[in-house]
């Protein structure tokens, strides 16, 4: 009789043991990514809502991948947007790809510092300890922060206006809402 009870308990516990290490998947539901450029004569920004992303958490680690088409950034000036595409070689390298790994325990924190590997314009830049704010809403998390990118990170020659180059800093503000998939 005790053998049957032990087997029954193991069969009841097995699904919860399997779920303990089964992966959790996060899907990027909506995003706003905005790059900022600065020139002594004016400021400009390009906005994209076209990012797609997925994260998989397993064994205490979460791996995230985010991709956004370069041509999806719009500044409100089609000439500027075309020049940006030419400058960053958008035809040859049409996607910006961001990869990061974070401990699963930090997914529900209020603040994280992420190490980002960003592929853009044919180069990969590794940015360390980029701060982000997180806000949980049920099974969704909204992440906000600014990625301190520069032209030199990606070996992009600074575009010029009236022979004066734009500033090297091209910070990208990010607001992304992620949904946990069961």
C-alpha atoms as a PDB file:
ATOM      1  CA  UNK A   1       0.000   0.000   0.000  1.00  0.00           C
ATOM      2  CA  UNK A   2       2.758   2.474   0.887  1.00  0.00           C
ATOM      3  CA  UNK A   3       4.414   1.780  -2.459  1.00  0.00           C
ATOM      4  CA  UNK A   4       1.214   2.817  -4.261  1.00  0.00           C
ATOM      5  CA  UNK A   5       1.000   6.018  -2.200  1.00  0.00           C
ATOM      6  CA  UNK A   6       4.630   6.875  -3.003  1.00  0.00           C
ATOM      7  CA  UNK A   7       4.031   6.319  -6.729  1.00  0.00           C
ATOM      8  CA  UNK A   8       0.867   8.432  -6.610  1.00  0.00           C
ATOM      9  CA  UNK A   9       2.728  11.269  -4.876  1.00  0.00           C
ATOM     10  CA  UNK A  10       5.521  11.143  -7.445  1.00  0.00           C
ATOM     11  CA  UNK A  11       3.023  11.224 -10.306  1.00  0.00           C
ATOM     12  CA  UNK A  12       1.278  14.217  -8.739  1.00  0.00           C
ATOM     13  CA  UNK A  13       4.568  16.033  -8.136  1.00  0.00           C
ATOM     14  CA  UNK A  14       6.047  15.316 -11.581  1.00  0.00           C
ATOM     15  CA  UNK A  15       4.176  18.074 -13.492  1.00  0.00           C
ATOM     16  CA  UNK A  16       5.271  20.741 -11.013  1.00  0.00           C
ATOM     17  CA  UNK A  17       8.854  19.498 -11.111  1.00  0.00           C
ATOM     18  CA  UNK A  18       8.850  19.658 -14.908  1.00  0.00           C
ATOM     19  CA  UNK A  19       7.370  23.171 -14.893  1.00  0.00           C
ATOM     20  CA  UNK A  20      10.045  24.399 -12.482  1.00  0.00           C
ATOM     21  CA  UNK A  21      12.658  24.386 -15.243  1.00  0.00           C
ATOM     22  CA  UNK A  22      10.431  24.797 -18.280  1.00  0.00           C
ATOM     23  CA  UNK A  23      11.228  27.957 -20.227  1.00  0.00           C
ATOM     24  CA  UNK A  24       9.296  31.175 -19.825  1.00  0.00           C
ATOM     25  CA  UNK A  25       8.855  33.128 -23.048  1.00  0.00           C
ATOM     26  CA  UNK A  26       8.453  36.904 -23.336  1.00  0.00           C
ATOM     27  CA  UNK A  27       7.152  38.521 -26.535  1.00  0.00           C
ATOM     28  CA  UNK A  28       7.612  42.201 -27.380  1.00  0.00           C
ATOM     29  CA  UNK A  29       4.062  43.553 -27.726  1.00  0.00           C
ATOM     30  CA  UNK A  30       4.714  47.213 -28.505  1.00  0.00           C
ATOM     31  CA  UNK A  31       7.666  49.535 -28.661  1.00  0.00           C
ATOM     32  CA  UNK A  32       8.767  53.072 -29.239  1.00  0.00           C
ATOM     33  CA  UNK A  33      12.437  53.548 -30.093  1.00  0.00           C
ATOM     34  CA  UNK A  34      13.673  57.077 -30.700  1.00  0.00           C
ATOM     35  CA  UNK A  35      17.156  58.102 -31.824  1.00  0.00           C
ATOM     36  CA  UNK A  36      18.286  61.673 -31.143  1.00  0.00           C
ATOM     37  CA  UNK A  37      20.832  63.683 -33.099  1.00  0.00           C
ATOM     38  CA  UNK A  38      22.176  67.072 -32.260  1.00  0.00           C
ATOM     39  CA  UNK A  39      23.761  69.744 -34.445  1.00  0.00           C
ATOM     40  CA  UNK A  40      24.573  73.325 -33.443  1.00  0.00           C
ATOM     41  CA  UNK A  41      21.784  74.513 -35.760  1.00  0.00           C
ATOM     42  CA  UNK A  42      19.068  72.010 -34.832  1.00  0.00           C
ATOM     43  CA  UNK A  43      18.000  68.850 -33.036  1.00  0.00           C
ATOM     44  CA  UNK A  44      16.257  65.912 -34.696  1.00  0.00           C
ATOM     45  CA  UNK A  45      14.746  62.592 -33.705  1.00  0.00           C
ATOM     46  CA  UNK A  46      13.660  59.496 -35.587  1.00  0.00           C
ATOM     47  CA  UNK A  47      10.981  57.216 -34.188  1.00  0.00           C
ATOM     48  CA  UNK A  48      10.175  53.566 -34.874  1.00  0.00           C
ATOM     49  CA  UNK A  49       7.349  51.394 -33.576  1.00  0.00           C
ATOM     50  CA  UNK A  50       8.429  48.389 -35.672  1.00  0.00           C
ATOM     51  CA  UNK A  51      10.672  46.492 -33.234  1.00  0.00           C
ATOM     52  CA  UNK A  52      10.039  42.808 -32.739  1.00  0.00           C
ATOM     53  CA  UNK A  53      11.498  40.773 -29.929  1.00  0.00           C
ATOM     54  CA  UNK A  54      11.504  37.604 -27.928  1.00  0.00           C
ATOM     55  CA  UNK A  55      13.002  36.545 -24.641  1.00  0.00           C
ATOM     56  CA  UNK A  56      13.443  33.041 -23.250  1.00  0.00           C
ATOM     57  CA  UNK A  57      14.117  32.436 -19.562  1.00  0.00           C
ATOM     58  CA  UNK A  58      15.391  29.069 -18.405  1.00  0.00           C
ATOM     59  CA  UNK A  59      17.630  27.815 -15.630  1.00  0.00           C
ATOM     60  CA  UNK A  60      17.818  31.276 -14.063  1.00  0.00           C
ATOM     61  CA  UNK A  61      18.968  33.140 -17.204  1.00  0.00           C
ATOM     62  CA  UNK A  62      16.964  35.149 -19.726  1.00  0.00           C
ATOM     63  CA  UNK A  63      18.188  35.715 -23.265  1.00  0.00           C
ATOM     64  CA  UNK A  64      16.513  38.516 -25.239  1.00  0.00           C
ATOM     65  CA  UNK A  65      16.713  39.379 -28.927  1.00  0.00           C
ATOM     66  CA  UNK A  66      15.220  42.567 -30.383  1.00  0.00           C
ATOM     67  CA  UNK A  67      15.276  43.513 -34.064  1.00  0.00           C
ATOM     68  CA  UNK A  68      14.101  46.686 -35.765  1.00  0.00           C
ATOM     69  CA  UNK A  69      14.319  47.639 -39.456  1.00  0.00           C
ATOM     70  CA  UNK A  70      16.574  50.653 -39.984  1.00  0.00           C
ATOM     71  CA  UNK A  71      14.164  52.068 -42.565  1.00  0.00           C
ATOM     72  CA  UNK A  72      11.323  52.087 -40.004  1.00  0.00           C
ATOM     73  CA  UNK A  73      12.763  55.152 -38.224  1.00  0.00           C
ATOM     74  CA  UNK A  74      10.995  58.312 -39.351  1.00  0.00           C
ATOM     75  CA  UNK A  75      12.079  61.830 -38.420  1.00  0.00           C
ATOM     76  CA  UNK A  76       9.356  63.732 -40.257  1.00  0.00           C
ATOM     77  CA  UNK A  77      11.855  64.800 -42.951  1.00  0.00           C
ATOM     78  CA  UNK A  78      12.116  62.309 -45.816  1.00  0.00           C
ATOM     79  CA  UNK A  79      15.424  63.823 -47.032  1.00  0.00           C
ATOM     80  CA  UNK A  80      16.961  63.361 -43.574  1.00  0.00           C
ATOM     81  CA  UNK A  81      15.605  59.806 -43.396  1.00  0.00           C
ATOM     82  CA  UNK A  82      17.081  58.911 -46.808  1.00  0.00           C
ATOM     83  CA  UNK A  83      20.428  60.437 -45.846  1.00  0.00           C
ATOM     84  CA  UNK A  84      20.375  58.493 -42.571  1.00  0.00           C
ATOM     85  CA  UNK A  85      19.753  55.250 -44.487  1.00  0.00           C
ATOM     86  CA  UNK A  86      22.693  56.010 -46.791  1.00  0.00           C
ATOM     87  CA  UNK A  87      25.000  57.026 -43.928  1.00  0.00           C
ATOM     88  CA  UNK A  88      24.353  53.862 -41.892  1.00  0.00           C
ATOM     89  CA  UNK A  89      24.351  51.626 -45.006  1.00  0.00           C
ATOM     90  CA  UNK A  90      20.740  50.566 -44.370  1.00  0.00           C
ATOM     91  CA  UNK A  91      20.536  48.779 -47.724  1.00  0.00           C
ATOM     92  CA  UNK A  92      23.466  46.540 -46.827  1.00  0.00           C
ATOM     93  CA  UNK A  93      22.598  46.220 -43.116  1.00  0.00           C
ATOM     94  CA  UNK A  94      18.805  46.623 -42.935  1.00  0.00           C
ATOM     95  CA  UNK A  95      18.296  45.617 -39.281  1.00  0.00           C
ATOM     96  CA  UNK A  96      19.403  46.860 -35.889  1.00  0.00           C
ATOM     97  CA  UNK A  97      19.751  43.802 -33.666  1.00  0.00           C
ATOM     98  CA  UNK A  98      20.105  43.938 -29.894  1.00  0.00           C
ATOM     99  CA  UNK A  99      20.990  40.958 -27.728  1.00  0.00           C
ATOM    100  CA  UNK A 100      21.185  40.794 -23.970  1.00  0.00           C
ATOM    101  CA  UNK A 101      21.206  38.280 -21.141  1.00  0.00           C
ATOM    102  CA  UNK A 102      19.876  39.064 -17.679  1.00  0.00           C
ATOM    103  CA  UNK A 103      19.353  36.937 -14.590  1.00  0.00           C
ATOM    104  CA  UNK A 104      15.739  35.748 -14.434  1.00  0.00           C
ATOM    105  CA  UNK A 105      15.433  37.117 -10.888  1.00  0.00           C
ATOM    106  CA  UNK A 106      15.917  40.660 -12.267  1.00  0.00           C
ATOM    107  CA  UNK A 107      12.955  40.434 -14.672  1.00  0.00           C
ATOM    108  CA  UNK A 108      10.587  41.566 -11.913  1.00  0.00           C
ATOM    109  CA  UNK A 109      12.914  44.170 -10.373  1.00  0.00           C
ATOM    110  CA  UNK A 110      12.230  47.901 -10.651  1.00  0.00           C
ATOM    111  CA  UNK A 111      15.661  48.671 -12.126  1.00  0.00           C
ATOM    112  CA  UNK A 112      18.147  46.642 -14.114  1.00  0.00           C
ATOM    113  CA  UNK A 113      21.494  47.321 -15.699  1.00  0.00           C
ATOM    114  CA  UNK A 114      21.867  45.347 -18.896  1.00  0.00           C
ATOM    115  CA  UNK A 115      24.871  44.590 -21.050  1.00  0.00           C
ATOM    116  CA  UNK A 116      23.816  45.067 -24.669  1.00  0.00           C
ATOM    117  CA  UNK A 117      25.377  43.717 -27.856  1.00  0.00           C
ATOM    118  CA  UNK A 118      24.067  45.967 -30.633  1.00  0.00           C
ATOM    119  CA  UNK A 119      24.571  45.206 -34.325  1.00  0.00           C
ATOM    120  CA  UNK A 120      24.106  48.301 -36.448  1.00  0.00           C
ATOM    121  CA  UNK A 121      25.628  49.582 -39.694  1.00  0.00           C
ATOM    122  CA  UNK A 122      27.792  46.472 -40.015  1.00  0.00           C
ATOM    123  CA  UNK A 123      29.387  46.861 -36.584  1.00  0.00           C
ATOM    124  CA  UNK A 124      28.732  45.379 -33.156  1.00  0.00           C
ATOM    125  CA  UNK A 125      29.019  47.578 -30.086  1.00  0.00           C
ATOM    126  CA  UNK A 126      28.995  46.139 -26.573  1.00  0.00           C
ATOM    127  CA  UNK A 127      27.501  48.603 -24.117  1.00  0.00           C
ATOM    128  CA  UNK A 128      27.865  47.751 -20.436  1.00  0.00           C
ATOM    129  CA  UNK A 129      25.533  48.489 -17.523  1.00  0.00           C
ATOM    130  CA  UNK A 130      22.825  50.333 -19.470  1.00  0.00           C
ATOM    131  CA  UNK A 131      20.158  51.300 -16.894  1.00  0.00           C
ATOM    132  CA  UNK A 132      16.484  50.545 -17.465  1.00  0.00           C
ATOM    133  CA  UNK A 133      13.353  51.038 -15.379  1.00  0.00           C
ATOM    134  CA  UNK A 134      10.790  48.237 -15.242  1.00  0.00           C
ATOM    135  CA  UNK A 135       7.120  48.397 -14.319  1.00  0.00           C
ATOM    136  CA  UNK A 136       5.056  45.226 -13.987  1.00  0.00           C
ATOM    137  CA  UNK A 137       1.372  45.122 -14.936  1.00  0.00           C
ATOM    138  CA  UNK A 138       0.040  41.584 -14.472  1.00  0.00           C
ATOM    139  CA  UNK A 139       1.850  39.389 -16.994  1.00  0.00           C
ATOM    140  CA  UNK A 140       3.325  42.405 -18.808  1.00  0.00           C
ATOM    141  CA  UNK A 141       6.471  44.386 -18.099  1.00  0.00           C
ATOM    142  CA  UNK A 142       7.167  47.849 -19.476  1.00  0.00           C
ATOM    143  CA  UNK A 143      10.844  48.677 -19.838  1.00  0.00           C
ATOM    144  CA  UNK A 144      12.091  52.250 -20.328  1.00  0.00           C
ATOM    145  CA  UNK A 145      15.577  53.659 -20.622  1.00  0.00           C
ATOM    146  CA  UNK A 146      18.135  55.385 -22.802  1.00  0.00           C
ATOM    147  CA  UNK A 147      20.853  53.562 -24.687  1.00  0.00           C
ATOM    148  CA  UNK A 148      23.940  55.820 -24.769  1.00  0.00           C
ATOM    149  CA  UNK A 149      25.010  55.012 -28.337  1.00  0.00           C
ATOM    150  CA  UNK A 150      27.553  57.039 -30.289  1.00  0.00           C
ATOM    151  CA  UNK A 151      28.508  57.272 -33.948  1.00  0.00           C
ATOM    152  CA  UNK A 152      32.002  56.033 -33.129  1.00  0.00           C
ATOM    153  CA  UNK A 153      30.543  52.894 -31.471  1.00  0.00           C
ATOM    154  CA  UNK A 154      29.486  51.847 -34.980  1.00  0.00           C
ATOM    155  CA  UNK A 155      32.242  53.548 -37.013  1.00  0.00           C
ATOM    156  CA  UNK A 156      29.721  55.846 -38.695  1.00  0.00           C
ATOM    157  CA  UNK A 157      31.159  59.064 -40.149  1.00  0.00           C
ATOM    158  CA  UNK A 158      29.331  62.067 -38.695  1.00  0.00           C
ATOM    159  CA  UNK A 159      26.944  63.633 -41.206  1.00  0.00           C
ATOM    160  CA  UNK A 160      27.523  67.330 -41.743  1.00  0.00           C
ATOM    161  CA  UNK A 161      25.314  70.344 -42.244  1.00  0.00           C
ATOM    162  CA  UNK A 162      27.094  73.440 -43.602  1.00  0.00           C
ATOM    163  CA  UNK A 163      30.421  71.613 -43.049  1.00  0.00           C
ATOM    164  CA  UNK A 164      29.683  71.170 -39.331  1.00  0.00           C
ATOM    165  CA  UNK A 165      29.259  67.550 -38.178  1.00  0.00           C
ATOM    166  CA  UNK A 166      26.492  66.398 -35.862  1.00  0.00           C
ATOM    167  CA  UNK A 167      27.509  65.488 -32.314  1.00  0.00           C
ATOM    168  CA  UNK A 168      28.926  62.014 -31.726  1.00  0.00           C
ATOM    169  CA  UNK A 169      26.187  61.087 -29.239  1.00  0.00           C
ATOM    170  CA  UNK A 170      23.110  59.416 -30.745  1.00  0.00           C
ATOM    171  CA  UNK A 171      21.189  58.266 -27.661  1.00  0.00           C
ATOM    172  CA  UNK A 172      18.236  55.973 -28.257  1.00  0.00           C
ATOM    173  CA  UNK A 173      15.320  56.125 -25.854  1.00  0.00           C
ATOM    174  CA  UNK A 174      13.405  52.892 -25.577  1.00  0.00           C
ATOM    175  CA  UNK A 175       9.957  52.092 -24.256  1.00  0.00           C
ATOM    176  CA  UNK A 176       8.949  48.471 -24.715  1.00  0.00           C
ATOM    177  CA  UNK A 177       6.087  46.405 -23.364  1.00  0.00           C
ATOM    178  CA  UNK A 178       6.775  42.691 -23.007  1.00  0.00           C
ATOM    179  CA  UNK A 179       4.095  40.025 -22.485  1.00  0.00           C
ATOM    180  CA  UNK A 180       4.806  36.760 -20.712  1.00  0.00           C
ATOM    181  CA  UNK A 181       3.627  33.727 -22.691  1.00  0.00           C
ATOM    182  CA  UNK A 182       2.536  30.659 -20.766  1.00  0.00           C
END
